[in-house]
Amino acid sequence: MAPSTPVRVVNKIADEKDVKPEDLELQIQKYVPTDAIRYLERHKNAEWRLQFETPDHIVEVAGGDTVTVDVQQEGAGLGN
């Protein structure tokens, strides 16, 4: 069984930081409801996307099992 999308998000951020996922001091549920990710994951239409910020990254989850993690530049958040 493939890992859930929230687990894949954590794995992708850990890869970006070059640490093991279990060593990552990040709980994504503080930044986005993981139930929302799971709901979208089950959506019939793959034409969706969810973007959220963590302290160091901008994360995008999209239909078709796509997870993208970009390093966030200081002061360059989604609302800026």
C-alpha atoms as a PDB file:
ATOM      1  CA  MET A   1       0.000   0.000   0.000  1.00  0.00           C
ATOM      2  CA  ALA A   2       1.310   3.429  -0.932  1.00  0.00           C
ATOM      3  CA  PRO A   3       1.795   5.984   1.863  1.00  0.00           C
ATOM      4  CA  SER A   4      -0.969   8.521   2.392  1.00  0.00           C
ATOM      5  CA  THR A   5      -0.569  11.990   0.932  1.00  0.00           C
ATOM      6  CA  PRO A   6       0.111  13.604   4.354  1.00  0.00           C
ATOM      7  CA  VAL A   7       2.911  11.067   4.891  1.00  0.00           C
ATOM      8  CA  ARG A   8       4.281  11.797   1.415  1.00  0.00           C
ATOM      9  CA  VAL A   9       4.270  15.529   2.234  1.00  0.00           C
ATOM     10  CA  VAL A  10       6.319  14.897   5.388  1.00  0.00           C
ATOM     11  CA  ASN A  11       8.690  12.623   3.441  1.00  0.00           C
ATOM     12  CA  LYS A  12       9.151  15.250   0.736  1.00  0.00           C
ATOM     13  CA  ILE A  13       9.918  17.998   3.282  1.00  0.00           C
ATOM     14  CA  ALA A  14      12.363  15.665   5.053  1.00  0.00           C
ATOM     15  CA  ASP A  15      14.085  14.985   1.711  1.00  0.00           C
ATOM     16  CA  GLU A  16      14.335  18.726   1.093  1.00  0.00           C
ATOM     17  CA  LYS A  17      15.915  19.242   4.525  1.00  0.00           C
ATOM     18  CA  ASP A  18      18.108  16.132   4.086  1.00  0.00           C
ATOM     19  CA  VAL A  19      16.853  14.502   7.303  1.00  0.00           C
ATOM     20  CA  LYS A  20      14.898  11.368   8.131  1.00  0.00           C
ATOM     21  CA  PRO A  21      11.137  11.957   8.368  1.00  0.00           C
ATOM     22  CA  GLU A  22      11.128  10.834  12.003  1.00  0.00           C
ATOM     23  CA  ASP A  23      13.790  13.481  12.777  1.00  0.00           C
ATOM     24  CA  LEU A  24      11.719  16.258  11.250  1.00  0.00           C
ATOM     25  CA  GLU A  25      10.334  18.560  13.918  1.00  0.00           C
ATOM     26  CA  LEU A  26       7.200  19.399  11.968  1.00  0.00           C
ATOM     27  CA  GLN A  27       3.573  18.469  12.357  1.00  0.00           C
ATOM     28  CA  ILE A  28       1.791  19.388   9.133  1.00  0.00           C
ATOM     29  CA  GLN A  29      -1.602  19.331  10.858  1.00  0.00           C
ATOM     30  CA  LYS A  30      -0.542  22.630  12.458  1.00  0.00           C
ATOM     31  CA  TYR A  31      -0.532  24.184   8.970  1.00  0.00           C
ATOM     32  CA  VAL A  32      -3.313  22.360   7.109  1.00  0.00           C
ATOM     33  CA  PRO A  33      -6.033  19.918   8.203  1.00  0.00           C
ATOM     34  CA  THR A  34      -4.811  16.507   7.070  1.00  0.00           C
ATOM     35  CA  ASP A  35      -8.457  15.449   6.765  1.00  0.00           C
ATOM     36  CA  ALA A  36      -8.798  18.068   4.012  1.00  0.00           C
ATOM     37  CA  ILE A  37      -5.897  16.497   2.124  1.00  0.00           C
ATOM     38  CA  ARG A  38      -7.430  13.046   2.484  1.00  0.00           C
ATOM     39  CA  TYR A  39     -10.819  14.364   1.328  1.00  0.00           C
ATOM     40  CA  LEU A  40      -9.326  15.943  -1.796  1.00  0.00           C
ATOM     41  CA  GLU A  41      -7.302  12.793  -2.426  1.00  0.00           C
ATOM     42  CA  ARG A  42     -10.580  10.855  -2.774  1.00  0.00           C
ATOM     43  CA  HIS A  43     -12.176  13.477  -5.031  1.00  0.00           C
ATOM     44  CA  LYS A  44     -13.425  12.023  -8.342  1.00  0.00           C
ATOM     45  CA  ASN A  45     -11.988  14.878 -10.350  1.00  0.00           C
ATOM     46  CA  ALA A  46      -8.178  15.130 -10.346  1.00  0.00           C
ATOM     47  CA  GLU A  47      -8.365  18.859 -11.227  1.00  0.00           C
ATOM     48  CA  TRP A  48      -7.661  20.221  -7.759  1.00  0.00           C
ATOM     49  CA  ARG A  49      -4.744  21.724  -5.901  1.00  0.00           C
ATOM     50  CA  LEU A  50      -4.048  22.709  -2.325  1.00  0.00           C
ATOM     51  CA  GLN A  51      -1.194  25.003  -1.357  1.00  0.00           C
ATOM     52  CA  PHE A  52      -0.033  25.788   2.167  1.00  0.00           C
ATOM     53  CA  GLU A  53       2.999  27.105   3.993  1.00  0.00           C
ATOM     54  CA  THR A  54       5.178  25.677   6.717  1.00  0.00           C
ATOM     55  CA  PRO A  55       7.860  27.836   8.340  1.00  0.00           C
ATOM     56  CA  ASP A  56      10.448  26.972   5.671  1.00  0.00           C
ATOM     57  CA  HIS A  57       8.475  25.632   2.718  1.00  0.00           C
ATOM     58  CA  ILE A  58       5.583  26.189   0.365  1.00  0.00           C
ATOM     59  CA  VAL A  59       3.841  22.877  -0.217  1.00  0.00           C
ATOM     60  CA  GLU A  60       1.492  22.107  -3.077  1.00  0.00           C
ATOM     61  CA  VAL A  61      -0.584  18.955  -3.235  1.00  0.00           C
ATOM     62  CA  ALA A  62      -2.519  18.342  -6.434  1.00  0.00           C
ATOM     63  CA  GLY A  63      -4.732  15.747  -8.053  1.00  0.00           C
ATOM     64  CA  GLY A  64      -2.863  12.945  -9.744  1.00  0.00           C
ATOM     65  CA  ASP A  65      -0.749  12.260  -6.632  1.00  0.00           C
ATOM     66  CA  THR A  66       1.511  15.289  -7.082  1.00  0.00           C
ATOM     67  CA  VAL A  67       3.360  16.692  -4.070  1.00  0.00           C
ATOM     68  CA  THR A  68       5.701  19.651  -4.599  1.00  0.00           C
ATOM     69  CA  VAL A  69       7.821  21.274  -1.898  1.00  0.00           C
ATOM     70  CA  ASP A  70       9.660  24.546  -2.507  1.00  0.00           C
ATOM     71  CA  VAL A  71      12.005  26.261  -0.093  1.00  0.00           C
ATOM     72  CA  GLN A  72      10.376  29.462   1.078  1.00  0.00           C
ATOM     73  CA  GLN A  73      12.528  32.559   0.869  1.00  0.00           C
ATOM     74  CA  GLU A  74      12.427  34.772   3.942  1.00  0.00           C
ATOM     75  CA  GLY A  75       9.538  37.230   3.671  1.00  0.00           C
ATOM     76  CA  ALA A  76       8.191  35.560   0.518  1.00  0.00           C
ATOM     77  CA  GLY A  77       5.097  33.822   1.900  1.00  0.00           C
ATOM     78  CA  LEU A  78       1.876  33.197   0.047  1.00  0.00           C
ATOM     79  CA  GLY A  79       0.301  36.359   1.432  1.00  0.00           C
ATOM     80  CA  ASN A  80       3.250  38.603   0.557  1.00  0.00           C
END
